[in-house]
Amino acid sequence: MVRPLLGCRREDLASYLNSLEQPFREDRTNQDIQFKRNRIRLDLLPHLRSEYNPKIDEALQHLSKQAAVTGQF
């Protein structure tokens, strides 16, 4: 699966779309915490940022790139 915008922050993408006069659209399920991916994004990652590492996003992206290079994904 290719996810070319995975490394983009939501705020940056919204700002870019605004500069093109394009609306930002969000799937209504993105805020539903019954889905594990949303609980991670909405609950766990903010906790990790505030309590452990404010740069957790960058650290996870780095880890993801290392895993891709070694084939451990």
C-alpha atoms as a PDB file:
ATOM      1  CA  MET A   1       0.000   0.000   0.000  1.00  0.00           C
ATOM      2  CA  VAL A   2       1.297   3.437  -0.903  1.00  0.00           C
ATOM      3  CA  ARG A   3       0.445   6.277   1.482  1.00  0.00           C
ATOM      4  CA  PRO A   4       2.219   9.336   0.063  1.00  0.00           C
ATOM      5  CA  LEU A   5       0.737  11.795   2.563  1.00  0.00           C
ATOM      6  CA  LEU A   6       1.520   9.771   5.673  1.00  0.00           C
ATOM      7  CA  GLY A   7       4.455  12.026   6.526  1.00  0.00           C
ATOM      8  CA  CYS A   8       2.368  15.203   6.206  1.00  0.00           C
ATOM      9  CA  ARG A   9       0.853  16.896   9.213  1.00  0.00           C
ATOM     10  CA  ARG A  10      -2.885  17.545   9.019  1.00  0.00           C
ATOM     11  CA  GLU A  11      -2.366  21.278   9.614  1.00  0.00           C
ATOM     12  CA  ASP A  12       0.149  21.526   6.762  1.00  0.00           C
ATOM     13  CA  LEU A  13      -2.133  19.666   4.378  1.00  0.00           C
ATOM     14  CA  ALA A  14      -5.140  21.813   5.354  1.00  0.00           C
ATOM     15  CA  SER A  15      -3.073  24.970   4.827  1.00  0.00           C
ATOM     16  CA  TYR A  16      -1.887  23.760   1.416  1.00  0.00           C
ATOM     17  CA  LEU A  17      -5.434  22.901   0.330  1.00  0.00           C
ATOM     18  CA  ASN A  18      -6.613  26.294   1.568  1.00  0.00           C
ATOM     19  CA  SER A  19      -3.971  27.995  -0.603  1.00  0.00           C
ATOM     20  CA  LEU A  20      -5.461  26.134  -3.587  1.00  0.00           C
ATOM     21  CA  GLU A  21      -8.984  27.063  -2.463  1.00  0.00           C
ATOM     22  CA  GLN A  22      -9.797  23.377  -2.030  1.00  0.00           C
ATOM     23  CA  PRO A  23     -11.830  22.151   0.936  1.00  0.00           C
ATOM     24  CA  PHE A  24     -10.303  19.828   3.512  1.00  0.00           C
ATOM     25  CA  ARG A  25     -12.401  16.687   3.861  1.00  0.00           C
ATOM     26  CA  GLU A  26     -12.308  14.252   6.707  1.00  0.00           C
ATOM     27  CA  ASP A  27     -13.886  10.834   6.957  1.00  0.00           C
ATOM     28  CA  ARG A  28     -16.540  10.907   9.688  1.00  0.00           C
ATOM     29  CA  THR A  29     -15.099   7.727  11.217  1.00  0.00           C
ATOM     30  CA  ASN A  30     -11.762   9.440  11.987  1.00  0.00           C
ATOM     31  CA  GLN A  31     -13.032  10.550  15.404  1.00  0.00           C
ATOM     32  CA  ASP A  32     -14.662   7.224  16.327  1.00  0.00           C
ATOM     33  CA  ILE A  33     -12.553   5.664  19.089  1.00  0.00           C
ATOM     34  CA  GLN A  34     -14.134   2.234  18.639  1.00  0.00           C
ATOM     35  CA  PHE A  35     -11.452   1.773  15.969  1.00  0.00           C
ATOM     36  CA  LYS A  36      -8.019   0.982  17.390  1.00  0.00           C
ATOM     37  CA  ARG A  37      -6.195   3.210  14.878  1.00  0.00           C
ATOM     38  CA  ASN A  38      -8.214   6.183  16.108  1.00  0.00           C
ATOM     39  CA  ARG A  39      -7.624   5.390  19.790  1.00  0.00           C
ATOM     40  CA  ILE A  40      -3.913   5.276  19.045  1.00  0.00           C
ATOM     41  CA  ARG A  41      -4.009   8.589  17.181  1.00  0.00           C
ATOM     42  CA  LEU A  42      -6.405  10.387  19.524  1.00  0.00           C
ATOM     43  CA  ASP A  43      -5.421   8.962  22.941  1.00  0.00           C
ATOM     44  CA  LEU A  44      -2.103   7.131  22.946  1.00  0.00           C
ATOM     45  CA  LEU A  45       0.017   9.413  20.749  1.00  0.00           C
ATOM     46  CA  PRO A  46      -0.933  12.622  22.605  1.00  0.00           C
ATOM     47  CA  HIS A  47      -0.092  10.849  25.888  1.00  0.00           C
ATOM     48  CA  LEU A  48       3.277   9.714  24.534  1.00  0.00           C
ATOM     49  CA  ARG A  49       3.992  13.248  23.270  1.00  0.00           C
ATOM     50  CA  SER A  50       3.205  14.903  26.586  1.00  0.00           C
ATOM     51  CA  GLU A  51       4.634  12.325  28.986  1.00  0.00           C
ATOM     52  CA  TYR A  52       7.554  10.723  27.137  1.00  0.00           C
ATOM     53  CA  ASN A  53       8.700  12.277  23.889  1.00  0.00           C
ATOM     54  CA  PRO A  54       7.359  15.441  22.242  1.00  0.00           C
ATOM     55  CA  LYS A  55       8.938  14.224  18.994  1.00  0.00           C
ATOM     56  CA  ILE A  56       7.292  10.795  19.005  1.00  0.00           C
ATOM     57  CA  ASP A  57       5.893  11.357  15.496  1.00  0.00           C
ATOM     58  CA  GLU A  58       9.359  11.872  14.044  1.00  0.00           C
ATOM     59  CA  ALA A  59      10.740   8.942  16.035  1.00  0.00           C
ATOM     60  CA  LEU A  60       8.037   6.603  14.694  1.00  0.00           C
ATOM     61  CA  GLN A  61       8.565   7.806  11.127  1.00  0.00           C
ATOM     62  CA  HIS A  62      12.298   7.148  11.499  1.00  0.00           C
ATOM     63  CA  LEU A  63      11.609   3.671  12.882  1.00  0.00           C
ATOM     64  CA  SER A  64       9.207   2.974  10.019  1.00  0.00           C
ATOM     65  CA  LYS A  65      11.841   3.954   7.446  1.00  0.00           C
ATOM     66  CA  GLN A  66      14.431   1.727   9.151  1.00  0.00           C
ATOM     67  CA  ALA A  67      11.985  -1.197   9.157  1.00  0.00           C
ATOM     68  CA  ALA A  68      11.229  -0.677   5.462  1.00  0.00           C
ATOM     69  CA  VAL A  69      14.941  -0.688   4.578  1.00  0.00           C
ATOM     70  CA  THR A  70      15.568  -3.905   6.483  1.00  0.00           C
ATOM     71  CA  GLY A  71      12.369  -5.554   5.303  1.00  0.00           C
ATOM     72  CA  GLN A  72      11.089  -5.889   8.882  1.00  0.00           C
ATOM     73  CA  PHE A  73       7.627  -4.453   8.336  1.00  0.00           C
END
